[in-house]
Amino acid sequence: MASPSTPVRTAAPARGRAPARDVAGLGVGRALGFVAPALLLIGAFLIFPALWTIYIGVTNYRLTGVEAVSPSMVGLSNYTRALDDALFHNALWLTMLFVLGSAIIGQNVLGFTLAWVLRRARPAVRRTVEALTLLAWILPSTVVAYLWVAFYDRDGGTLNSLLGTPGTAWLIDYPMACLVVFNTWRGTAFSMMLYSSALQAVPPSQLESARMVGASGWQTLRDVVFPHIRGHVLTNTLLISLWTANDFSPFLLTKGGPNHESETVPVYIYNVALQGGELGYSSAISFLLLIANLLVSLVYLRLLRRRS
């Protein structure tokens, strides 16, 4: 028996032993059982449709006719056709304008402005504005589109009544401008909430110091606020850009018209697939859109890593 003065030796951990991974003690079988339903849903609704889209994108698969029963492989002809398709080029250009105007500029600027102004507003005013902004975001697309069609209506529309311009067909004369305003109004809520959370990370002492030395509002934003929220700005811009580029809501207002003047890429894919019946060609365009989304995401992530 060791005396009280004798030091007690503890067993040293074995070198090279891997740390225990099964923290919950479930075992591999039970762990797989827990995640299996989620994996099945992901496989059924994400992976399989993506692989199926890639497959029919190299075929002449159509909605009706002989090709609907027995499509044949056409290789990369659908992709080379897209590169020479003037309507596809037009859809790409309109999508870029739509993303730039309503997401990168519209939602970003308006969302940050609301977050910056509401941080010092009265609680009742802040909650009211936030509730109204969120309401525009959570309403179903069909409901929102119906309200905006009524707002832009040529005969008795709200906008014509406010401006005193009866008979102006806004959705026909200025389709892209109408879509930019519509999407900015609808999607600002996410940017507002993200920037409201990001502004809480700005030290109040630095804002007070900037005010005491006489910095202007722009100087305070440039030198104090933006360095703290730069990562949030990149993250927000990435998300709203991808969401806007893949948004199908413009179809509910203009259906791509008039004369393809508001036909963004998602709307063009729909028109080619269901109205033209060319499922193979539309799948190829969908895959190109997926590649473009991945490239944009990689660029944003690289910028985010550099900033951090």
Protein backbone atom coordinates (compact mmCIF):
# COMPACT_ATOMS: atom_id res chain seq x y z
CA MET A 1 0.00 0.00 0.00
CA ALA A 2 1.48 3.35 -1.01
CA SER A 3 2.16 5.95 1.67
CA PRO A 4 0.45 9.35 1.50
CA SER A 5 3.70 10.97 0.41
CA THR A 6 4.14 8.61 -2.52
CA PRO A 7 3.01 10.31 -5.74
CA VAL A 8 0.28 8.51 -7.64
CA ARG A 9 1.13 7.91 -11.26
CA THR A 10 -1.61 8.28 -13.82
CA ALA A 11 -1.67 6.35 -17.04
CA ALA A 12 -0.33 8.43 -19.90
CA PRO A 13 -2.48 8.50 -23.02
CA ALA A 14 -1.27 6.20 -25.71
CA ARG A 15 0.57 7.95 -28.51
CA GLY A 16 -0.88 7.74 -31.96
CA ARG A 17 -4.33 6.71 -30.76
CA ALA A 18 -7.10 8.30 -32.83
CA PRO A 19 -9.70 10.30 -30.88
CA ALA A 20 -13.07 8.67 -30.37
CA ARG A 21 -15.49 9.68 -33.10
CA ASP A 22 -18.69 8.07 -31.84
CA VAL A 23 -19.36 10.64 -29.14
CA ALA A 24 -23.05 9.73 -28.75
CA GLY A 25 -22.32 6.01 -28.60
CA LEU A 26 -24.83 5.15 -31.31
CA GLY A 27 -22.66 2.99 -33.48
CA VAL A 28 -22.35 3.15 -37.24
CA GLY A 29 -25.58 1.27 -37.91
CA ARG A 30 -27.77 3.47 -35.75
CA ALA A 31 -26.10 6.64 -36.98
CA LEU A 32 -26.79 5.65 -40.58
CA GLY A 33 -30.36 4.85 -39.62
CA PHE A 34 -30.84 8.38 -38.30
CA VAL A 35 -29.47 10.09 -41.41
CA ALA A 36 -30.93 7.64 -43.95
CA PRO A 37 -34.31 9.49 -44.36
CA ALA A 38 -32.51 12.77 -45.06
CA LEU A 39 -30.13 11.08 -47.50
CA LEU A 40 -33.06 9.48 -49.30
CA LEU A 41 -34.84 12.81 -49.66
CA ILE A 42 -31.66 14.50 -50.92
CA GLY A 43 -31.06 11.70 -53.38
CA ALA A 44 -34.65 11.64 -54.63
CA PHE A 45 -35.23 15.39 -54.97
CA LEU A 46 -31.74 16.79 -55.61
CA ILE A 47 -29.18 14.27 -56.83
CA PHE A 48 -31.43 12.20 -59.10
CA PRO A 49 -33.05 15.21 -60.86
CA ALA A 50 -29.60 16.75 -61.39
CA LEU A 51 -28.22 13.55 -62.91
CA TRP A 52 -31.36 13.11 -65.02
CA THR A 53 -31.05 16.68 -66.29
CA ILE A 54 -27.45 16.07 -67.30
CA TYR A 55 -28.46 12.88 -69.11
CA ILE A 56 -31.34 14.27 -71.16
CA GLY A 57 -29.21 17.34 -71.91
CA VAL A 58 -27.18 15.22 -74.32
CA THR A 59 -30.27 13.79 -76.02
CA ASN A 60 -32.99 15.14 -78.33
CA TYR A 61 -35.66 14.33 -75.74
CA ARG A 62 -38.94 16.13 -76.42
CA LEU A 63 -42.21 16.57 -74.61
CA THR A 64 -44.22 14.92 -77.39
CA GLY A 65 -43.59 12.91 -80.53
CA VAL A 66 -41.25 10.05 -81.32
CA GLU A 67 -38.38 11.59 -79.32
CA ALA A 68 -40.52 11.49 -76.19
CA VAL A 69 -40.66 7.70 -76.41
CA SER A 70 -37.19 6.88 -77.74
CA PRO A 71 -34.80 9.84 -77.60
CA SER A 72 -31.40 9.48 -79.21
CA MET A 73 -28.02 10.74 -78.09
CA VAL A 74 -26.89 13.96 -79.74
CA GLY A 75 -23.73 14.58 -77.74
CA LEU A 76 -22.87 18.23 -77.18
CA SER A 77 -25.01 19.60 -79.98
CA ASN A 78 -27.48 21.11 -77.49
CA TYR A 79 -24.65 23.03 -75.84
CA THR A 80 -23.19 24.25 -79.12
CA ARG A 81 -26.68 25.29 -80.17
CA ALA A 82 -27.03 27.33 -76.97
CA LEU A 83 -23.78 29.15 -77.71
CA ASP A 84 -25.21 30.27 -81.07
CA ASP A 85 -28.78 30.94 -79.82
CA ALA A 86 -29.58 34.65 -79.93
CA LEU A 87 -32.55 34.21 -77.60
CA PHE A 88 -30.34 32.49 -75.04
CA HIS A 89 -27.82 35.33 -75.27
CA ASN A 90 -30.67 37.77 -74.76
CA ALA A 91 -31.85 35.83 -71.71
CA LEU A 92 -28.33 35.86 -70.24
CA TRP A 93 -28.07 39.62 -70.70
CA LEU A 94 -31.47 40.25 -69.14
CA THR A 95 -30.62 37.96 -66.22
CA MET A 96 -27.43 39.92 -65.58
CA LEU A 97 -29.40 43.18 -65.61
CA PHE A 98 -32.01 41.65 -63.32
CA VAL A 99 -29.40 40.46 -60.82
CA LEU A 100 -27.40 43.68 -60.94
CA GLY A 101 -30.37 46.01 -60.63
CA SER A 102 -32.59 44.20 -58.15
CA ALA A 103 -30.12 42.18 -56.06
CA ILE A 104 -26.59 43.59 -56.05
CA ILE A 105 -27.77 47.21 -56.07
CA GLY A 106 -31.44 47.20 -55.09
CA GLN A 107 -31.73 44.71 -52.24
CA ASN A 108 -28.22 45.36 -50.95
CA VAL A 109 -28.55 49.14 -50.77
CA LEU A 110 -32.15 49.23 -49.56
CA GLY A 111 -31.58 46.45 -47.03
CA PHE A 112 -28.53 48.16 -45.56
CA THR A 113 -30.25 51.54 -45.52
CA LEU A 114 -33.20 50.15 -43.58
CA ALA A 115 -30.91 48.35 -41.14
CA TRP A 116 -28.79 51.48 -40.61
CA VAL A 117 -31.77 53.80 -40.10
CA LEU A 118 -33.80 51.42 -37.92
CA ARG A 119 -30.99 50.79 -35.45
CA ARG A 120 -31.79 54.10 -33.73
CA ALA A 121 -35.52 54.15 -34.41
CA ARG A 122 -38.12 53.68 -31.73
CA PRO A 123 -38.92 50.04 -30.98
CA ALA A 124 -42.50 50.40 -32.21
CA VAL A 125 -41.39 51.98 -35.48
CA ARG A 126 -38.64 49.38 -35.97
CA ARG A 127 -40.97 46.45 -35.35
CA THR A 128 -43.61 47.88 -37.71
CA VAL A 129 -41.16 48.43 -40.57
CA GLU A 130 -39.56 45.03 -40.07
CA ALA A 131 -42.97 43.32 -40.03
CA LEU A 132 -44.07 45.02 -43.27
CA THR A 133 -40.77 44.21 -44.96
CA LEU A 134 -40.93 40.58 -43.86
CA LEU A 135 -44.52 40.33 -45.04
CA ALA A 136 -43.42 41.13 -48.58
CA TRP A 137 -40.83 38.35 -48.35
CA ILE A 138 -42.97 35.56 -46.90
CA LEU A 139 -46.09 36.01 -49.04
CA PRO A 140 -46.50 33.37 -51.80
CA SER A 141 -45.18 34.34 -55.20
CA THR A 142 -48.56 34.02 -56.87
CA VAL A 143 -50.17 36.41 -54.38
CA VAL A 144 -47.36 38.95 -54.69
CA ALA A 145 -47.40 38.75 -58.48
CA TYR A 146 -51.17 39.34 -58.57
CA LEU A 147 -50.80 42.43 -56.37
CA TRP A 148 -48.07 43.87 -58.57
CA VAL A 149 -49.99 43.16 -61.78
CA ALA A 150 -52.83 45.17 -60.27
CA PHE A 151 -50.33 47.86 -59.25
CA TYR A 152 -48.94 48.14 -62.80
CA ASP A 153 -52.29 47.66 -64.57
CA ARG A 154 -52.96 49.92 -67.53
CA ASP A 155 -56.64 50.46 -66.70
CA GLY A 156 -57.17 51.58 -63.12
CA GLY A 157 -53.76 50.52 -61.84
CA THR A 158 -52.48 52.00 -58.60
CA LEU A 159 -49.31 53.39 -60.16
CA ASN A 160 -51.18 55.21 -62.91
CA SER A 161 -53.58 56.63 -60.34
CA LEU A 162 -50.70 57.94 -58.22
CA LEU A 163 -48.76 59.43 -61.13
CA GLY A 164 -51.76 60.65 -63.08
CA THR A 165 -50.75 58.71 -66.19
CA PRO A 166 -53.86 56.76 -67.23
CA GLY A 167 -53.38 54.24 -70.00
CA THR A 168 -49.66 53.66 -69.45
CA ALA A 169 -48.88 49.93 -69.84
CA TRP A 170 -45.90 49.65 -67.52
CA LEU A 171 -45.40 45.90 -67.93
CA ILE A 172 -45.35 46.31 -71.71
CA ASP A 173 -43.44 49.57 -72.11
CA TYR A 174 -40.92 49.07 -69.25
CA PRO A 175 -40.93 45.35 -68.41
CA MET A 176 -37.41 45.00 -66.99
CA ALA A 177 -37.66 48.16 -64.90
CA CYS A 178 -40.92 46.85 -63.43
CA LEU A 179 -39.29 43.50 -62.61
CA VAL A 180 -36.31 45.18 -60.95
CA VAL A 181 -38.57 47.28 -58.72
CA PHE A 182 -40.74 44.27 -57.94
CA ASN A 183 -37.86 42.00 -56.94
CA THR A 184 -36.15 44.74 -54.93
CA TRP A 185 -39.32 45.31 -52.94
CA ARG A 186 -39.89 41.63 -52.39
CA GLY A 187 -36.37 40.48 -51.46
CA THR A 188 -35.11 43.34 -49.30
CA ALA A 189 -36.15 41.64 -46.05
CA PHE A 190 -33.29 39.14 -46.06
CA SER A 191 -30.65 41.84 -46.61
CA MET A 192 -32.22 44.00 -43.91
CA MET A 193 -32.17 41.20 -41.32
CA LEU A 194 -28.61 40.16 -42.18
CA TYR A 195 -27.27 43.71 -42.00
CA SER A 196 -29.19 44.40 -38.80
CA SER A 197 -27.38 41.49 -37.20
CA ALA A 198 -24.03 42.51 -38.71
CA LEU A 199 -24.26 46.10 -37.45
CA GLN A 200 -24.46 44.82 -33.88
CA ALA A 201 -20.85 43.68 -34.25
CA VAL A 202 -19.64 47.24 -34.88
CA PRO A 203 -18.17 48.59 -31.59
CA PRO A 204 -20.18 51.63 -30.41
CA SER A 205 -16.97 53.18 -29.11
CA GLN A 206 -15.57 53.40 -32.64
CA LEU A 207 -18.75 55.02 -33.93
CA GLU A 208 -18.62 57.53 -31.09
CA SER A 209 -14.95 58.25 -31.79
CA ALA A 210 -15.73 58.88 -35.45
CA ARG A 211 -18.51 61.26 -34.47
CA MET A 212 -16.27 63.16 -32.03
CA VAL A 213 -13.52 63.74 -34.60
CA GLY A 214 -16.09 65.14 -37.03
CA ALA A 215 -16.26 62.29 -39.54
CA SER A 216 -19.07 62.54 -42.03
CA GLY A 217 -21.66 59.84 -42.46
CA TRP A 218 -19.93 58.44 -45.53
CA GLN A 219 -16.54 58.47 -43.81
CA THR A 220 -18.01 56.63 -40.82
CA LEU A 221 -19.49 53.97 -43.07
CA ARG A 222 -16.32 53.62 -45.15
CA ASP A 223 -13.71 53.62 -42.37
CA VAL A 224 -15.59 52.16 -39.39
CA VAL A 225 -18.68 50.20 -40.41
CA PHE A 226 -17.74 48.47 -43.66
CA PRO A 227 -14.45 46.96 -42.40
CA HIS A 228 -16.46 45.15 -39.71
CA ILE A 229 -19.26 43.89 -41.98
CA ARG A 230 -17.29 43.20 -45.19
CA GLY A 231 -17.76 39.46 -44.82
CA HIS A 232 -21.50 39.89 -44.30
CA VAL A 233 -21.71 42.04 -47.44
CA LEU A 234 -20.04 39.34 -49.54
CA THR A 235 -22.20 36.59 -48.07
CA ASN A 236 -25.40 38.54 -48.61
CA THR A 237 -24.43 39.48 -52.16
CA LEU A 238 -23.66 35.85 -53.00
CA LEU A 239 -26.98 34.52 -51.68
CA ILE A 240 -29.27 37.15 -53.16
CA SER A 241 -27.42 37.00 -56.51
CA LEU A 242 -27.94 33.24 -56.79
CA TRP A 243 -31.56 33.46 -55.67
CA THR A 244 -32.31 36.24 -58.16
CA ALA A 245 -30.54 34.53 -61.05
CA ASN A 246 -32.72 31.44 -60.52
CA ASP A 247 -35.94 33.30 -59.71
CA PHE A 248 -39.02 32.29 -61.68
CA SER A 249 -41.26 35.09 -60.39
CA PRO A 250 -40.77 37.27 -63.52
CA PHE A 251 -42.83 34.73 -65.45
CA LEU A 252 -45.81 35.48 -63.22
CA LEU A 253 -45.74 39.15 -64.23
CA THR A 254 -44.64 39.26 -67.85
CA LYS A 255 -44.17 35.65 -69.04
CA GLY A 256 -40.98 36.84 -70.69
CA GLY A 257 -42.73 39.36 -72.93
CA PRO A 258 -43.27 41.43 -74.78
CA ASN A 259 -41.16 39.98 -77.58
CA HIS A 260 -38.66 38.37 -75.15
CA GLU A 261 -37.85 41.77 -73.55
CA SER A 262 -38.12 40.36 -70.01
CA GLU A 263 -37.25 36.72 -70.64
CA THR A 264 -34.62 35.80 -68.05
CA VAL A 265 -32.84 32.45 -68.19
CA PRO A 266 -35.28 30.55 -65.88
CA VAL A 267 -38.23 31.87 -67.90
CA TYR A 268 -36.49 31.00 -71.16
CA ILE A 269 -35.86 27.45 -69.92
CA TYR A 270 -39.54 27.10 -69.07
CA ASN A 271 -40.68 28.42 -72.43
CA VAL A 272 -38.29 26.16 -74.33
CA ALA A 273 -39.24 23.08 -72.29
CA LEU A 274 -43.00 23.35 -71.93
CA GLN A 275 -44.08 25.66 -74.73
CA GLY A 276 -41.53 24.51 -77.28
CA GLY A 277 -41.41 20.93 -76.03
CA GLU A 278 -37.60 20.70 -76.30
CA LEU A 279 -36.75 19.07 -73.00
CA GLY A 280 -33.26 18.03 -74.08
CA TYR A 281 -32.26 21.52 -75.13
CA SER A 282 -33.79 23.11 -72.04
CA SER A 283 -31.93 20.62 -69.83
CA ALA A 284 -28.65 21.60 -71.45
CA ILE A 285 -29.38 25.26 -70.71
CA SER A 286 -30.28 24.33 -67.12
CA PHE A 287 -26.91 22.62 -66.73
CA LEU A 288 -25.15 25.71 -68.09
CA LEU A 289 -27.02 27.80 -65.52
CA LEU A 290 -25.87 25.41 -62.81
CA ILE A 291 -22.25 25.76 -63.93
CA ALA A 292 -22.60 29.55 -63.92
CA ASN A 293 -23.96 29.44 -60.37
CA LEU A 294 -21.02 27.32 -59.24
CA LEU A 295 -18.50 29.66 -60.85
CA VAL A 296 -20.06 32.71 -59.24
CA SER A 297 -20.07 30.94 -55.87
CA LEU A 298 -16.38 30.07 -56.19
CA VAL A 299 -15.50 33.68 -57.02
CA TYR A 300 -17.41 35.00 -54.00
CA LEU A 301 -15.92 32.39 -51.68
CA ARG A 302 -12.41 33.24 -52.86
CA LEU A 303 -13.04 36.93 -52.22
CA LEU A 304 -14.44 36.09 -48.80
CA ARG A 305 -11.33 34.11 -47.87
CA ARG A 306 -9.07 36.93 -48.99
CA ARG A 307 -11.00 39.46 -46.93
CA SER A 308 -10.96 37.26 -43.86
